[in-house]
Amino acid sequence: MRQCEIARAAVNHQQTYELAKLRREVMKEDLKERRAAVMDEAAEAGQSIRKARRSFVNCKTKISPPSF
């Protein structure tokens, strides 16, 4: 019985690790896409890159990560 629980815990840990890894990758890709969009908008509007980056950082702190 104890070995079964240990095996189950190991599998759960591995699944949790894999899910967390995928979530981090998705968040990183989403962040890259949003950053590129902000820079494109700034370039089209003739805004300075520094202001666009600052605006993006302020916006980034307000957005929560996607949930699965």
Protein backbone atom coordinates (compact mmCIF):
# COMPACT_ATOMS: atom_id res chain seq x y z
CA MET A 1 0.00 0.00 0.00
CA ARG A 2 2.78 2.41 0.93
CA GLN A 3 4.66 1.74 -2.32
CA CYS A 4 1.50 2.43 -4.30
CA GLU A 5 1.11 5.81 -2.58
CA ILE A 6 4.75 6.67 -3.23
CA ALA A 7 4.41 5.72 -6.90
CA ARG A 8 1.22 7.78 -7.22
CA ALA A 9 2.92 10.79 -5.60
CA ALA A 10 5.85 10.48 -8.00
CA VAL A 11 3.53 10.38 -11.01
CA ASN A 12 1.53 13.35 -9.71
CA HIS A 13 4.75 15.28 -9.14
CA GLN A 14 5.93 14.55 -12.69
CA GLN A 15 2.57 15.58 -14.18
CA THR A 16 2.55 18.78 -12.13
CA TYR A 17 6.09 19.54 -13.27
CA GLU A 18 5.21 19.00 -16.93
CA LEU A 19 2.06 21.12 -16.67
CA ALA A 20 3.96 23.95 -14.98
CA LYS A 21 6.63 23.76 -17.66
CA LEU A 22 4.04 24.00 -20.44
CA ARG A 23 2.32 26.88 -18.69
CA ARG A 24 5.60 28.80 -18.41
CA GLU A 25 6.30 28.27 -22.12
CA VAL A 26 2.82 29.47 -23.09
CA MET A 27 3.14 32.54 -20.90
CA LYS A 28 6.58 33.32 -22.36
CA GLU A 29 5.26 33.07 -25.94
CA ASP A 30 2.23 35.20 -25.08
CA LEU A 31 4.49 37.82 -23.54
CA LYS A 32 6.69 37.88 -26.64
CA GLU A 33 3.66 38.34 -28.89
CA ARG A 34 2.23 41.13 -26.77
CA ARG A 35 5.61 42.88 -26.57
CA ALA A 36 5.95 42.73 -30.36
CA ALA A 37 2.43 44.11 -30.79
CA VAL A 38 3.16 47.01 -28.44
CA MET A 39 6.37 47.82 -30.30
CA ASP A 40 4.56 47.69 -33.66
CA GLU A 41 1.86 50.03 -32.40
CA ALA A 42 4.48 52.41 -31.03
CA ALA A 43 6.36 52.42 -34.33
CA GLU A 44 3.18 53.11 -36.30
CA ALA A 45 2.14 55.89 -33.94
CA GLY A 46 5.60 57.43 -33.94
CA GLN A 47 5.97 56.94 -30.18
CA SER A 48 9.36 56.57 -28.58
CA ILE A 49 10.52 53.02 -27.91
CA ARG A 50 11.33 53.91 -24.30
CA LYS A 51 7.78 55.10 -23.64
CA ALA A 52 6.35 52.03 -25.34
CA ARG A 53 8.48 49.72 -23.18
CA ARG A 54 7.46 51.56 -20.02
CA SER A 55 3.82 51.35 -21.04
CA PHE A 56 4.17 47.63 -21.72
CA VAL A 57 5.76 46.97 -18.32
CA ASN A 58 2.95 48.86 -16.58
CA CYS A 59 0.35 46.90 -18.55
CA LYS A 60 2.12 43.58 -17.97
CA THR A 61 1.83 43.87 -14.19
CA LYS A 62 -1.95 44.24 -14.44
CA ILE A 63 -2.55 41.17 -16.63
CA SER A 64 -2.98 37.80 -14.95
CA PRO A 65 -1.56 34.63 -16.51
CA PRO A 66 -3.84 32.48 -18.66
CA SER A 67 -5.55 29.57 -16.96
CA PHE A 68 -6.00 26.14 -18.47
